[in-house]
Amino acid sequence: MTMPRSGTSPAKGPPERWATTATKGGHMRSRTKRGVIVAVLVVLLAGLVAPAVAADVNVVSVAASQFDSGFFIALVTATSANALVDAQLVVNSTPVTGATVEAYAIDLPGSVDATIFKITATVKTVKPGDTLTAIVTDVNLSHGTRTAVCGRGIPGLRITSICK
């Protein structure tokens, strides 16, 4: 013979605290309907927003070197489903002016291609302790950023600062 669980008797069924949830069945149905409607709306909105998010600009890497002669070079790699058109640098909240920007497209397998931007300047641009931020823009004026911290360079190679 099996014994009933504590709090129940074979003739009465579940304990009284469970019976209160069973009496609210009508309310649960309307809550369930609202929950399903909200879930469907969230899925629809996410479906409409997801393609726009997929086309965002993703700045993959930023690396730069400052030479003691004053020459500065930075390489910025970025990807996007849209064509990338521009890259700019900011050092400690100050835009880098007078730099030359060259773009090189790289065809990768799949639907997203990469672009490498080579940015050069002939003036001292960064020093150890600076923060270098790259801003890359696509044809739809969407942009992505990535920041690199500049540290001590390699004096033997006449590099005063390296940012990565």
Foldseek 3Di string as FASTA:
>chain_A
DDDDDPQDDPVPPHHPVVVVVVVCVVVVVVVVVVVVVVVVVVVVVCVVCVVVVQQAKAWDDKKKWAFLQAKIKMKIKIKGLFAWDDKWKAKQNRTDPPKDWDKDWADDPDRMTMIIIIIMDRHNDDAAQIKMKMWIAGPVRHIDMDIWHKHADDVVVRTGIMTD
